[in-house]
Amino acid sequence: MNAIDNSKIQRTDISLGLLLETLATAKDLPLVFHYDGRPVKGGYHVTEVKAGQFAALDCGANPEAWTEIFVQLWDIDEDDRTHMPAGKFAAIIRKVSEHVKLDGSAKLTFEVSDGVQPMQLYQAAYPNLRAGQVHIELAARPASCKPRDRWLAEETGKGVSCCGPSSQKSACCG
């Protein structure tokens, strides 16, 4: 079974290692996650961190294998708390890594719920420093077709444009 090359994670989908490396430079700043157009509440908790190793067959009957880290956020207000410092978040992850093997290059998924709505899955973008805080945008993790994704990546790598020079224009060029 072929493993996914975690080094090819897109800028809108960072790895755990990259997140921790970035947070180390801003450990005293508040860490604010944003999802569904709003920031998490100041009292949010990291309720669970889990590591998974997956083996699957994609829709093209190709074997897939990857590691993934899930960080569960409980989006609540509690005791007038403010957003946790980036260093505290990193310390929680370090504590987990004392007991659970965490691959820094693994795909990173956030599970977020306010305790009322069902948990939703999100991918994290690169952290952004602004207004004295570390902001991380979480975007809904969409389903995808891995064979199609690989084909698109190959075409993009070739520098092929749908409207590029050819004797026959493709449908996207009208």
N, C-alpha and C. Protein backbone atom coordinates (compact mmCIF):
# COMPACT_ATOMS: atom_id res chain seq x y z
N MET A 1 0.85 -1.17 0.00
CA MET A 1 0.00 0.00 0.00
C MET A 1 0.89 1.24 0.00
N ASN A 2 0.63 2.20 -0.89
CA ASN A 2 1.42 3.41 -0.99
C ASN A 2 0.95 4.44 0.03
N ALA A 3 1.90 5.10 0.67
CA ALA A 3 1.55 6.13 1.64
C ALA A 3 1.43 7.47 0.94
N ILE A 4 0.54 8.30 1.40
CA ILE A 4 0.41 9.65 0.88
C ILE A 4 1.62 10.44 1.35
N ASP A 5 2.16 11.26 0.48
CA ASP A 5 3.29 12.11 0.83
C ASP A 5 2.74 13.32 1.57
N ASN A 6 2.83 13.31 2.90
CA ASN A 6 2.28 14.39 3.70
C ASN A 6 2.96 15.73 3.44
N SER A 7 4.14 15.73 2.80
CA SER A 7 4.83 17.00 2.53
C SER A 7 4.11 17.80 1.45
N LYS A 8 3.14 17.20 0.78
CA LYS A 8 2.42 17.90 -0.29
C LYS A 8 1.10 18.48 0.20
N ILE A 9 0.95 18.64 1.50
CA ILE A 9 -0.27 19.23 2.05
C ILE A 9 -0.33 20.69 1.57
N GLN A 10 -1.50 21.13 1.15
CA GLN A 10 -1.66 22.47 0.61
C GLN A 10 -1.64 23.52 1.71
N ARG A 11 -1.44 24.79 1.30
CA ARG A 11 -1.40 25.90 2.25
C ARG A 11 -2.71 26.04 3.03
N THR A 12 -3.78 25.54 2.48
CA THR A 12 -5.06 25.63 3.17
C THR A 12 -5.29 24.40 4.05
N ASP A 13 -4.27 23.59 4.19
CA ASP A 13 -4.42 22.33 4.92
C ASP A 13 -3.06 22.00 5.54
N ILE A 14 -2.72 22.62 6.67
CA ILE A 14 -1.37 22.49 7.22
C ILE A 14 -1.21 21.24 8.06
N SER A 15 0.04 20.89 8.29
CA SER A 15 0.37 19.74 9.13
C SER A 15 0.49 20.18 10.59
N LEU A 16 0.46 19.21 11.48
CA LEU A 16 0.62 19.48 12.91
C LEU A 16 2.00 20.10 13.19
N GLY A 17 3.03 19.56 12.57
CA GLY A 17 4.39 20.06 12.80
C GLY A 17 4.53 21.52 12.41
N LEU A 18 3.98 21.88 11.27
CA LEU A 18 4.05 23.27 10.82
C LEU A 18 3.27 24.18 11.76
N LEU A 19 2.13 23.73 12.22
CA LEU A 19 1.34 24.53 13.16
C LEU A 19 2.13 24.78 14.44
N LEU A 20 2.72 23.72 15.02
CA LEU A 20 3.47 23.88 16.26
C LEU A 20 4.70 24.75 16.07
N GLU A 21 5.37 24.60 14.94
CA GLU A 21 6.55 25.41 14.64
C GLU A 21 6.17 26.89 14.59
N THR A 22 5.05 27.20 13.99
CA THR A 22 4.59 28.58 13.88
C THR A 22 4.17 29.12 15.25
N LEU A 23 3.46 28.31 16.02
CA LEU A 23 3.00 28.76 17.34
C LEU A 23 4.15 29.01 18.30
N ALA A 24 5.28 28.33 18.11
CA ALA A 24 6.43 28.51 19.00
C ALA A 24 6.97 29.94 18.94
N THR A 25 6.73 30.63 17.83
CA THR A 25 7.22 32.01 17.70
C THR A 25 6.25 33.02 18.31
N ALA A 26 5.10 32.55 18.77
CA ALA A 26 4.08 33.46 19.32
C ALA A 26 3.41 32.85 20.53
N LYS A 27 4.19 32.17 21.37
CA LYS A 27 3.60 31.37 22.44
C LYS A 27 2.76 32.14 23.46
N ASP A 28 3.01 33.44 23.63
CA ASP A 28 2.26 34.21 24.62
C ASP A 28 1.00 34.87 24.04
N LEU A 29 0.84 34.79 22.73
CA LEU A 29 -0.32 35.44 22.10
C LEU A 29 -1.55 34.55 22.15
N PRO A 30 -2.74 35.15 22.27
CA PRO A 30 -3.97 34.37 22.26
C PRO A 30 -4.12 33.63 20.93
N LEU A 31 -4.60 32.40 20.99
CA LEU A 31 -4.83 31.58 19.82
C LEU A 31 -6.33 31.55 19.55
N VAL A 32 -6.72 32.08 18.39
CA VAL A 32 -8.13 32.20 18.04
C VAL A 32 -8.40 31.42 16.76
N PHE A 33 -9.22 30.40 16.86
CA PHE A 33 -9.64 29.64 15.69
C PHE A 33 -10.92 30.28 15.15
N HIS A 34 -11.07 30.29 13.83
CA HIS A 34 -12.26 30.82 13.18
C HIS A 34 -12.89 29.71 12.35
N TYR A 35 -14.20 29.55 12.44
CA TYR A 35 -14.90 28.58 11.61
C TYR A 35 -16.30 29.10 11.34
N ASP A 36 -16.83 28.73 10.22
CA ASP A 36 -18.19 29.15 9.84
C ASP A 36 -18.39 30.65 9.99
N GLY A 37 -17.36 31.43 9.67
CA GLY A 37 -17.46 32.88 9.69
C GLY A 37 -17.40 33.54 11.06
N ARG A 38 -16.99 32.80 12.07
CA ARG A 38 -16.93 33.39 13.42
C ARG A 38 -15.76 32.80 14.20
N PRO A 39 -15.27 33.54 15.20
CA PRO A 39 -14.20 32.99 16.03
C PRO A 39 -14.77 32.05 17.09
N VAL A 40 -13.94 31.12 17.56
CA VAL A 40 -14.35 30.29 18.69
C VAL A 40 -14.47 31.20 19.91
N LYS A 41 -15.26 30.76 20.84
CA LYS A 41 -15.44 31.54 22.07
C LYS A 41 -14.19 31.46 22.93
N GLY A 42 -14.01 32.45 23.78
CA GLY A 42 -12.81 32.53 24.61
C GLY A 42 -12.60 31.34 25.53
N GLY A 43 -13.64 30.67 25.92
CA GLY A 43 -13.52 29.55 26.85
C GLY A 43 -13.33 28.20 26.18
N TYR A 44 -12.99 28.20 24.87
CA TYR A 44 -12.91 26.91 24.18
C TYR A 44 -11.92 25.97 24.84
N HIS A 45 -12.17 24.68 24.68
CA HIS A 45 -11.31 23.63 25.23
C HIS A 45 -10.78 22.77 24.09
N VAL A 46 -9.59 22.25 24.28
CA VAL A 46 -9.09 21.16 23.44
C VAL A 46 -9.48 19.91 24.22
N THR A 47 -10.51 19.23 23.77
CA THR A 47 -11.06 18.12 24.54
C THR A 47 -10.45 16.77 24.20
N GLU A 48 -9.82 16.69 23.04
CA GLU A 48 -9.24 15.40 22.65
C GLU A 48 -8.26 15.63 21.51
N VAL A 49 -7.18 14.88 21.53
CA VAL A 49 -6.22 14.84 20.43
C VAL A 49 -5.99 13.37 20.14
N LYS A 50 -6.22 12.98 18.90
CA LYS A 50 -6.05 11.57 18.57
C LYS A 50 -5.28 11.44 17.26
N ALA A 51 -4.55 10.35 17.17
CA ALA A 51 -3.77 10.04 15.98
C ALA A 51 -4.34 8.79 15.34
N GLY A 52 -4.45 8.84 14.03
CA GLY A 52 -4.98 7.68 13.32
C GLY A 52 -4.10 7.32 12.14
N GLN A 53 -3.99 6.04 11.92
CA GLN A 53 -3.33 5.53 10.72
C GLN A 53 -4.41 4.84 9.92
N PHE A 54 -4.56 5.26 8.68
CA PHE A 54 -5.66 4.79 7.86
C PHE A 54 -5.15 4.04 6.64
N ALA A 55 -5.88 3.03 6.27
CA ALA A 55 -5.66 2.28 5.04
C ALA A 55 -7.02 2.18 4.37
N ALA A 56 -7.06 2.49 3.09
CA ALA A 56 -8.34 2.53 2.40
C ALA A 56 -8.16 2.21 0.92
N LEU A 57 -9.29 2.06 0.27
CA LEU A 57 -9.33 1.91 -1.18
C LEU A 57 -10.16 3.08 -1.68
N ASP A 58 -9.58 3.89 -2.61
CA ASP A 58 -10.33 5.05 -3.09
C ASP A 58 -11.32 4.63 -4.18
N CYS A 59 -12.04 5.59 -4.71
CA CYS A 59 -13.10 5.30 -5.67
C CYS A 59 -12.57 4.78 -7.01
N GLY A 60 -11.27 4.85 -7.22
CA GLY A 60 -10.66 4.28 -8.42
C GLY A 60 -10.01 2.94 -8.13
N ALA A 61 -10.31 2.36 -6.97
CA ALA A 61 -9.76 1.08 -6.51
C ALA A 61 -8.25 1.15 -6.27
N ASN A 62 -7.76 2.35 -5.94
CA ASN A 62 -6.34 2.53 -5.60
C ASN A 62 -6.17 2.43 -4.09
N PRO A 63 -5.19 1.67 -3.63
CA PRO A 63 -4.94 1.61 -2.19
C PRO A 63 -4.36 2.94 -1.71
N GLU A 64 -4.80 3.37 -0.56
CA GLU A 64 -4.34 4.62 0.06
C GLU A 64 -3.95 4.33 1.50
N ALA A 65 -2.96 5.05 2.00
CA ALA A 65 -2.58 4.96 3.41
C ALA A 65 -2.10 6.33 3.85
N TRP A 66 -2.49 6.75 5.03
CA TRP A 66 -2.05 8.04 5.54
C TRP A 66 -2.21 8.08 7.05
N THR A 67 -1.54 9.06 7.64
CA THR A 67 -1.71 9.33 9.06
C THR A 67 -2.45 10.65 9.18
N GLU A 68 -3.23 10.77 10.24
CA GLU A 68 -4.02 11.98 10.44
C GLU A 68 -4.11 12.25 11.94
N ILE A 69 -4.00 13.50 12.30
CA ILE A 69 -4.14 13.95 13.68
C ILE A 69 -5.47 14.70 13.77
N PHE A 70 -6.28 14.35 14.76
CA PHE A 70 -7.56 15.02 14.99
C PHE A 70 -7.47 15.80 16.31
N VAL A 71 -7.79 17.08 16.23
CA VAL A 71 -7.84 17.93 17.42
C VAL A 71 -9.29 18.36 17.59
N GLN A 72 -9.86 17.99 18.74
CA GLN A 72 -11.26 18.30 18.99
C GLN A 72 -11.36 19.57 19.82
N LEU A 73 -12.13 20.54 19.31
CA LEU A 73 -12.35 21.81 20.00
C LEU A 73 -13.81 21.88 20.44
N TRP A 74 -13.99 22.21 21.71
CA TRP A 74 -15.33 22.42 22.27
C TRP A 74 -15.50 23.92 22.39
N ASP A 75 -16.36 24.49 21.57
CA ASP A 75 -16.52 25.94 21.44
C ASP A 75 -17.54 26.46 22.45
N ILE A 76 -17.04 26.80 23.65
CA ILE A 76 -17.94 27.27 24.72
C ILE A 76 -17.36 28.51 25.39
N ASP A 77 -18.23 29.23 26.06
CA ASP A 77 -17.81 30.30 26.97
C ASP A 77 -17.75 29.69 28.35
N GLU A 78 -16.72 30.02 29.12
CA GLU A 78 -16.62 29.47 30.46
C GLU A 78 -15.86 30.42 31.37
N ASP A 79 -16.49 30.81 32.44
CA ASP A 79 -15.83 31.61 33.49
C ASP A 79 -15.13 32.85 32.96
N ASP A 80 -15.70 33.52 31.99
CA ASP A 80 -15.12 34.75 31.43
C ASP A 80 -13.67 34.57 30.99
N ARG A 81 -13.33 33.38 30.58
CA ARG A 81 -11.96 33.13 30.11
C ARG A 81 -11.74 33.78 28.76
N THR A 82 -10.48 34.03 28.47
CA THR A 82 -10.10 34.55 27.16
C THR A 82 -9.46 33.41 26.37
N HIS A 83 -9.20 33.64 25.11
CA HIS A 83 -8.60 32.61 24.26
C HIS A 83 -7.26 32.17 24.83
N MET A 84 -7.03 30.86 24.82
CA MET A 84 -5.79 30.33 25.39
C MET A 84 -4.58 30.82 24.60
N PRO A 85 -3.46 31.00 25.29
CA PRO A 85 -2.23 31.36 24.59
C PRO A 85 -1.78 30.23 23.66
N ALA A 86 -1.13 30.60 22.58
CA ALA A 86 -0.62 29.61 21.62
C ALA A 86 0.29 28.60 22.31
N GLY A 87 1.08 29.07 23.29
CA GLY A 87 1.97 28.17 24.02
C GLY A 87 1.23 27.12 24.83
N LYS A 88 0.06 27.47 25.35
CA LYS A 88 -0.74 26.49 26.11
C LYS A 88 -1.27 25.41 25.16
N PHE A 89 -1.74 25.83 23.98
CA PHE A 89 -2.20 24.86 22.98
C PHE A 89 -1.05 23.90 22.63
N ALA A 90 0.13 24.46 22.38
CA ALA A 90 1.29 23.63 22.04
C ALA A 90 1.65 22.70 23.19
N ALA A 91 1.52 23.16 24.44
CA ALA A 91 1.81 22.32 25.61
C ALA A 91 0.83 21.16 25.70
N ILE A 92 -0.43 21.39 25.35
CA ILE A 92 -1.42 20.32 25.35
C ILE A 92 -1.01 19.26 24.34
N ILE A 93 -0.60 19.69 23.15
CA ILE A 93 -0.18 18.75 22.10
C ILE A 93 1.07 17.99 22.57
N ARG A 94 2.02 18.68 23.19
CA ARG A 94 3.23 18.01 23.71
C ARG A 94 2.86 16.96 24.75
N LYS A 95 1.92 17.29 25.64
CA LYS A 95 1.48 16.34 26.67
C LYS A 95 0.89 15.09 26.02
N VAL A 96 0.07 15.28 25.00
CA VAL A 96 -0.51 14.14 24.29
C VAL A 96 0.60 13.31 23.66
N SER A 97 1.60 13.98 23.08
CA SER A 97 2.67 13.25 22.39
C SER A 97 3.53 12.41 23.34
N GLU A 98 3.44 12.67 24.65
CA GLU A 98 4.13 11.82 25.62
C GLU A 98 3.48 10.43 25.71
N HIS A 99 2.22 10.35 25.30
CA HIS A 99 1.46 9.10 25.42
C HIS A 99 1.02 8.51 24.09
N VAL A 100 0.89 9.36 23.07
CA VAL A 100 0.41 8.94 21.76
C VAL A 100 1.41 9.42 20.71
N LYS A 101 1.82 8.53 19.81
CA LYS A 101 2.77 8.93 18.76
C LYS A 101 2.07 9.89 17.80
N LEU A 102 2.58 11.12 17.71
CA LEU A 102 2.02 12.12 16.80
C LEU A 102 3.04 12.41 15.71
N ASP A 103 2.68 12.15 14.48
CA ASP A 103 3.51 12.40 13.32
C ASP A 103 3.34 13.86 12.91
N GLY A 104 4.41 14.64 13.03
CA GLY A 104 4.34 16.07 12.71
C GLY A 104 3.98 16.37 11.28
N SER A 105 4.21 15.42 10.37
CA SER A 105 3.87 15.66 8.96
C SER A 105 2.46 15.19 8.62
N ALA A 106 1.74 14.68 9.61
CA ALA A 106 0.40 14.12 9.36
C ALA A 106 -0.60 15.19 8.98
N LYS A 107 -1.59 14.76 8.24
CA LYS A 107 -2.73 15.60 7.90
C LYS A 107 -3.39 16.00 9.22
N LEU A 108 -3.81 17.25 9.33
CA LEU A 108 -4.38 17.78 10.56
C LEU A 108 -5.85 18.10 10.34
N THR A 109 -6.71 17.53 11.17
CA THR A 109 -8.14 17.78 11.07
C THR A 109 -8.65 18.26 12.42
N PHE A 110 -9.45 19.31 12.39
CA PHE A 110 -10.08 19.81 13.60
C PHE A 110 -11.54 19.36 13.61
N GLU A 111 -11.97 18.86 14.76
CA GLU A 111 -13.37 18.51 15.00
C GLU A 111 -13.92 19.59 15.93
N VAL A 112 -14.94 20.31 15.50
CA VAL A 112 -15.44 21.44 16.29
C VAL A 112 -16.93 21.28 16.54
N SER A 113 -17.32 21.55 17.79
CA SER A 113 -18.73 21.57 18.16
C SER A 113 -18.91 22.50 19.35
N ASP A 114 -20.09 23.06 19.43
CA ASP A 114 -20.43 23.90 20.59
C ASP A 114 -21.12 23.09 21.68
N GLY A 115 -21.14 21.78 21.51
CA GLY A 115 -21.80 20.92 22.48
C GLY A 115 -23.27 20.72 22.21
N VAL A 116 -23.82 21.49 21.27
CA VAL A 116 -25.22 21.36 20.88
C VAL A 116 -25.30 20.84 19.45
N GLN A 117 -24.64 21.56 18.55
CA GLN A 117 -24.60 21.16 17.14
C GLN A 117 -23.68 19.96 16.97
N PRO A 118 -23.93 19.14 15.94
CA PRO A 118 -23.04 18.00 15.69
C PRO A 118 -21.62 18.47 15.38
N MET A 119 -20.68 17.63 15.70
CA MET A 119 -19.29 17.92 15.42
C MET A 119 -19.09 18.01 13.91
N GLN A 120 -18.30 18.98 13.47
CA GLN A 120 -17.98 19.18 12.06
C GLN A 120 -16.47 19.05 11.88
N LEU A 121 -16.06 18.62 10.69
CA LEU A 121 -14.63 18.46 10.39
C LEU A 121 -14.11 19.65 9.60
N TYR A 122 -12.92 20.12 10.00
CA TYR A 122 -12.31 21.29 9.37
C TYR A 122 -10.83 21.04 9.11
N GLN A 123 -10.31 21.71 8.09
CA GLN A 123 -8.88 21.75 7.85
C GLN A 123 -8.40 23.14 8.24
N ALA A 124 -7.14 23.25 8.63
CA ALA A 124 -6.60 24.53 9.11
C ALA A 124 -5.68 25.15 8.08
N ALA A 125 -5.81 26.46 7.92
CA ALA A 125 -4.92 27.24 7.06
C ALA A 125 -3.71 27.68 7.89
N TYR A 126 -2.72 28.27 7.24
CA TYR A 126 -1.55 28.79 7.95
C TYR A 126 -2.00 29.81 8.98
N PRO A 127 -1.39 29.79 10.16
CA PRO A 127 -1.70 30.81 11.17
C PRO A 127 -1.36 32.21 10.66
N ASN A 128 -2.12 33.19 11.13
CA ASN A 128 -1.95 34.56 10.71
C ASN A 128 -1.86 35.42 11.97
N LEU A 129 -0.82 36.22 12.08
CA LEU A 129 -0.67 37.11 13.24
C LEU A 129 -1.30 38.45 12.90
N ARG A 130 -2.29 38.86 13.72
CA ARG A 130 -2.88 40.19 13.54
C ARG A 130 -3.51 40.63 14.86
N ALA A 131 -3.44 41.92 15.08
CA ALA A 131 -4.03 42.54 16.28
C ALA A 131 -3.58 41.85 17.57
N GLY A 132 -2.31 41.43 17.63
CA GLY A 132 -1.78 40.82 18.84
C GLY A 132 -2.31 39.44 19.14
N GLN A 133 -2.85 38.76 18.13
CA GLN A 133 -3.38 37.41 18.31
C GLN A 133 -2.94 36.52 17.15
N VAL A 134 -2.94 35.22 17.40
CA VAL A 134 -2.70 34.24 16.35
C VAL A 134 -4.06 33.76 15.89
N HIS A 135 -4.34 33.95 14.61
CA HIS A 135 -5.63 33.55 14.04
C HIS A 135 -5.42 32.37 13.11
N ILE A 136 -6.28 31.38 13.23
CA ILE A 136 -6.24 30.21 12.35
C ILE A 136 -7.62 30.01 11.77
N GLU A 137 -7.70 30.12 10.46
CA GLU A 137 -8.96 29.90 9.76
C GLU A 137 -9.17 28.40 9.56
N LEU A 138 -10.32 27.93 9.96
CA LEU A 138 -10.70 26.54 9.75
C LEU A 138 -11.74 26.51 8.63
N ALA A 139 -11.51 25.69 7.64
CA ALA A 139 -12.45 25.55 6.53
C ALA A 139 -13.01 24.14 6.55
N ALA A 140 -14.28 24.03 6.21
CA ALA A 140 -14.92 22.71 6.19
C ALA A 140 -14.09 21.77 5.32
N ARG A 141 -13.87 20.56 5.83
CA ARG A 141 -13.10 19.57 5.08
C ARG A 141 -14.04 18.90 4.08
N PRO A 142 -13.85 19.18 2.78
CA PRO A 142 -14.74 18.61 1.78
C PRO A 142 -14.37 17.18 1.41
N ALA A 143 -15.33 16.46 0.89
CA ALA A 143 -15.04 15.15 0.32
C ALA A 143 -14.30 15.39 -0.99
N SER A 144 -13.54 14.41 -1.43
CA SER A 144 -12.84 14.55 -2.70
C SER A 144 -12.70 13.19 -3.37
N CYS A 145 -12.39 13.24 -4.64
CA CYS A 145 -12.12 12.05 -5.42
C CYS A 145 -10.61 12.02 -5.64
N LYS A 146 -9.91 11.15 -4.94
CA LYS A 146 -8.45 11.14 -5.00
C LYS A 146 -7.90 10.89 -6.41
N PRO A 147 -8.47 9.98 -7.21
CA PRO A 147 -7.96 9.82 -8.58
C PRO A 147 -8.07 11.12 -9.39
N ARG A 148 -9.20 11.81 -9.25
CA ARG A 148 -9.37 13.08 -9.95
C ARG A 148 -8.38 14.12 -9.43
N ASP A 149 -8.20 14.18 -8.10
CA ASP A 149 -7.26 15.12 -7.50
C ASP A 149 -5.85 14.88 -8.03
N ARG A 150 -5.45 13.61 -8.13
CA ARG A 150 -4.11 13.29 -8.65
C ARG A 150 -3.98 13.71 -10.11
N TRP A 151 -5.02 13.45 -10.91
CA TRP A 151 -4.99 13.83 -12.31
C TRP A 151 -4.87 15.34 -12.46
N LEU A 152 -5.66 16.10 -11.67
CA LEU A 152 -5.59 17.56 -11.72
C LEU A 152 -4.21 18.06 -11.33
N ALA A 153 -3.60 17.45 -10.30
CA ALA A 153 -2.26 17.84 -9.86
C ALA A 153 -1.24 17.59 -10.97
N GLU A 154 -1.37 16.46 -11.66
CA GLU A 154 -0.47 16.16 -12.77
C GLU A 154 -0.63 17.17 -13.90
N GLU A 155 -1.86 17.51 -14.23
CA GLU A 155 -2.12 18.48 -15.30
C GLU A 155 -1.58 19.86 -14.93
N THR A 156 -1.79 20.26 -13.68
CA THR A 156 -1.28 21.54 -13.21
C THR A 156 0.24 21.54 -13.26
N GLY A 157 0.85 20.43 -12.90
CA GLY A 157 2.31 20.30 -12.93
C GLY A 157 2.87 20.40 -14.34
N LYS A 158 2.09 20.03 -15.32
CA LYS A 158 2.52 20.11 -16.72
C LYS A 158 2.41 21.53 -17.26
N GLY A 159 1.74 22.39 -16.51
CA GLY A 159 1.54 23.76 -16.98
C GLY A 159 0.50 23.84 -18.08
N VAL A 160 -0.36 22.84 -18.17
CA VAL A 160 -1.39 22.80 -19.20
C VAL A 160 -2.55 23.69 -18.77
N SER A 161 -2.98 24.52 -19.66
CA SER A 161 -4.14 25.35 -19.42
C SER A 161 -5.26 24.89 -20.33
N CYS A 162 -6.47 24.96 -19.85
CA CYS A 162 -7.58 24.50 -20.69
C CYS A 162 -7.72 25.39 -21.92
N CYS A 163 -7.20 26.58 -21.87
CA CYS A 163 -7.31 27.49 -23.00
C CYS A 163 -5.95 27.70 -23.66
N GLY A 164 -5.03 26.80 -23.40
CA GLY A 164 -3.68 26.91 -23.97
C GLY A 164 -3.68 26.59 -25.44
N PRO A 165 -2.51 26.71 -26.05
CA PRO A 165 -2.42 26.45 -27.48
C PRO A 165 -2.76 25.00 -27.81
N SER A 166 -3.66 24.83 -28.71
CA SER A 166 -3.99 23.51 -29.21
C SER A 166 -4.80 23.71 -30.47
N SER A 167 -4.90 22.67 -31.27
CA SER A 167 -5.66 22.78 -32.50
C SER A 167 -7.16 22.75 -32.23
N GLN A 168 -7.52 22.33 -31.04
CA GLN A 168 -8.93 22.25 -30.70
C GLN A 168 -9.16 22.82 -29.31
N LYS A 169 -10.00 23.82 -29.21
CA LYS A 169 -10.30 24.44 -27.92
C LYS A 169 -11.14 23.49 -27.08
N SER A 170 -10.90 23.49 -25.78
CA SER A 170 -11.71 22.63 -24.91
C SER A 170 -13.00 23.33 -24.54
N ALA A 171 -13.89 22.60 -23.91
CA ALA A 171 -15.20 23.13 -23.56
C ALA A 171 -15.11 24.32 -22.61
N CYS A 172 -14.06 24.38 -21.78
CA CYS A 172 -13.99 25.47 -20.80
C CYS A 172 -13.68 26.80 -21.46
N CYS A 173 -13.23 26.80 -22.69
CA CYS A 173 -12.87 28.05 -23.36
C CYS A 173 -14.03 28.63 -24.15
N GLY A 174 -15.14 27.94 -24.20
CA GLY A 174 -16.35 28.45 -24.85
C GLY A 174 -16.30 28.31 -26.31
